[in-house]
Amino acid sequence: MADPFDRERFAAIVRRRLDGVSVRRAVEAFPTLNVAMISRAKAGHNLTIGSFLALCRALRLRPFDFHVDGVKRRRVTRKTLVKQTVTARVPCETRGISDA
């Protein structure tokens, strides 16, 4: 299913904004960021919403610039949640066996 967030474009802009700046220097300049967050953003990996917003604020980006209009997301309803498979609870096989 398509993602309404343009991850590749965000990663390209982060790389461009931090071009020539080491990750350690960026962390020193923006205390709300950390090395892992910047590395994940540059690589185009998933970020938490908090990390995404922190990067947008530090790099002066507008978060809605990365929203892709017209992309339909999968609807999550009670019916779809009920149809999900669940592992049955079973007793532990080793419970009750004493060491010999």
Protein backbone atom coordinates (compact mmCIF):
# COMPACT_ATOMS: atom_id res chain seq x y z
CA MET A 1 0.00 0.00 0.00
CA ALA A 2 1.28 3.46 -0.86
CA ASP A 3 2.64 5.70 1.85
CA PRO A 4 1.33 9.28 2.06
CA PHE A 5 4.79 10.39 3.25
CA ASP A 6 7.44 11.09 0.59
CA ARG A 7 10.34 9.45 2.43
CA GLU A 8 12.80 9.64 -0.48
CA ARG A 9 12.27 13.36 -0.95
CA PHE A 10 12.65 13.99 2.78
CA ALA A 11 15.91 11.98 2.85
CA ALA A 12 17.28 13.90 -0.16
CA ILE A 13 16.50 17.25 1.45
CA VAL A 14 18.06 16.21 4.77
CA ARG A 15 21.20 15.06 2.95
CA ARG A 16 21.32 18.35 1.01
CA ARG A 17 20.80 20.51 4.11
CA LEU A 18 23.51 18.63 6.02
CA ASP A 19 25.92 18.44 3.07
CA GLY A 20 29.44 19.14 4.30
CA VAL A 21 28.39 18.91 7.96
CA SER A 22 29.33 15.83 9.94
CA VAL A 23 26.60 14.09 11.90
CA ARG A 24 28.43 14.83 15.16
CA ARG A 25 28.54 18.57 14.35
CA ALA A 26 24.84 18.54 13.50
CA VAL A 27 24.09 16.96 16.89
CA GLU A 28 26.21 19.60 18.62
CA ALA A 29 24.39 22.38 16.73
CA PHE A 30 20.92 20.93 17.36
CA PRO A 31 20.71 19.28 20.81
CA THR A 32 17.25 17.81 20.08
CA LEU A 33 18.76 15.57 17.39
CA ASN A 34 20.89 12.46 17.79
CA VAL A 35 23.22 10.50 15.54
CA ALA A 36 20.81 7.61 14.94
CA MET A 37 17.96 9.96 14.03
CA ILE A 38 20.03 11.82 11.45
CA SER A 39 21.45 8.61 9.99
CA ARG A 40 17.99 7.09 9.61
CA ALA A 41 16.66 10.27 7.99
CA LYS A 42 19.55 10.43 5.52
CA ALA A 43 19.03 6.78 4.57
CA GLY A 44 15.28 7.21 4.11
CA HIS A 45 14.34 4.76 6.88
CA ASN A 46 11.26 4.99 9.09
CA LEU A 47 11.24 7.70 11.73
CA THR A 48 8.96 8.29 14.65
CA ILE A 49 6.74 11.33 14.33
CA GLY A 50 8.70 13.01 17.11
CA SER A 51 12.00 12.48 15.28
CA PHE A 52 10.49 13.70 12.03
CA LEU A 53 9.17 16.87 13.64
CA ALA A 54 12.45 17.49 15.49
CA LEU A 55 14.37 17.22 12.21
CA CYS A 56 11.90 19.52 10.47
CA ARG A 57 12.25 22.11 13.20
CA ALA A 58 16.06 21.93 13.33
CA LEU A 59 16.47 22.06 9.54
CA ARG A 60 13.64 24.61 9.08
CA LEU A 61 11.49 22.32 6.95
CA ARG A 62 7.71 22.36 6.70
CA PRO A 63 6.32 18.91 7.64
CA PHE A 64 3.36 19.07 5.26
CA ASP A 65 5.68 19.56 2.30
CA PHE A 66 6.35 15.81 2.47
CA HIS A 67 2.70 14.75 2.52
CA VAL A 68 1.55 13.15 -0.73
CA ASP A 69 -2.04 14.06 -1.57
CA GLY A 70 -4.40 11.52 -3.03
CA VAL A 71 -2.78 8.43 -1.51
CA LYS A 72 -5.33 6.13 0.05
CA ARG A 73 -4.39 4.48 3.31
CA ARG A 74 -5.69 1.12 4.46
CA ARG A 75 -8.74 1.57 6.64
CA VAL A 76 -8.53 0.02 10.07
CA THR A 77 -11.93 -0.86 11.45
CA ARG A 78 -13.18 -3.06 14.23
CA LYS A 79 -14.03 -5.71 11.64
CA THR A 80 -10.46 -5.81 10.27
CA LEU A 81 -9.06 -6.00 13.80
CA VAL A 82 -11.33 -8.92 14.72
CA LYS A 83 -10.24 -10.86 11.61
CA GLN A 84 -6.55 -10.71 12.57
CA THR A 85 -5.00 -13.99 13.61
CA VAL A 86 -4.03 -14.31 17.25
CA THR A 87 -1.74 -16.88 18.82
CA ALA A 88 -3.67 -19.13 21.18
CA ARG A 89 -2.64 -19.16 24.83
CA VAL A 90 -1.27 -22.55 25.77
CA PRO A 91 0.36 -23.74 28.96
CA CYS A 92 4.14 -23.86 29.13
CA GLU A 93 5.43 -27.32 28.23
CA THR A 94 8.17 -27.32 30.83
CA ARG A 95 6.09 -26.12 33.75
CA GLY A 96 5.78 -28.71 36.47
CA ILE A 97 8.81 -30.75 35.42
CA SER A 98 11.31 -30.95 38.24
CA ASP A 99 15.05 -31.32 37.77
CA ALA A 100 16.17 -34.90 38.16
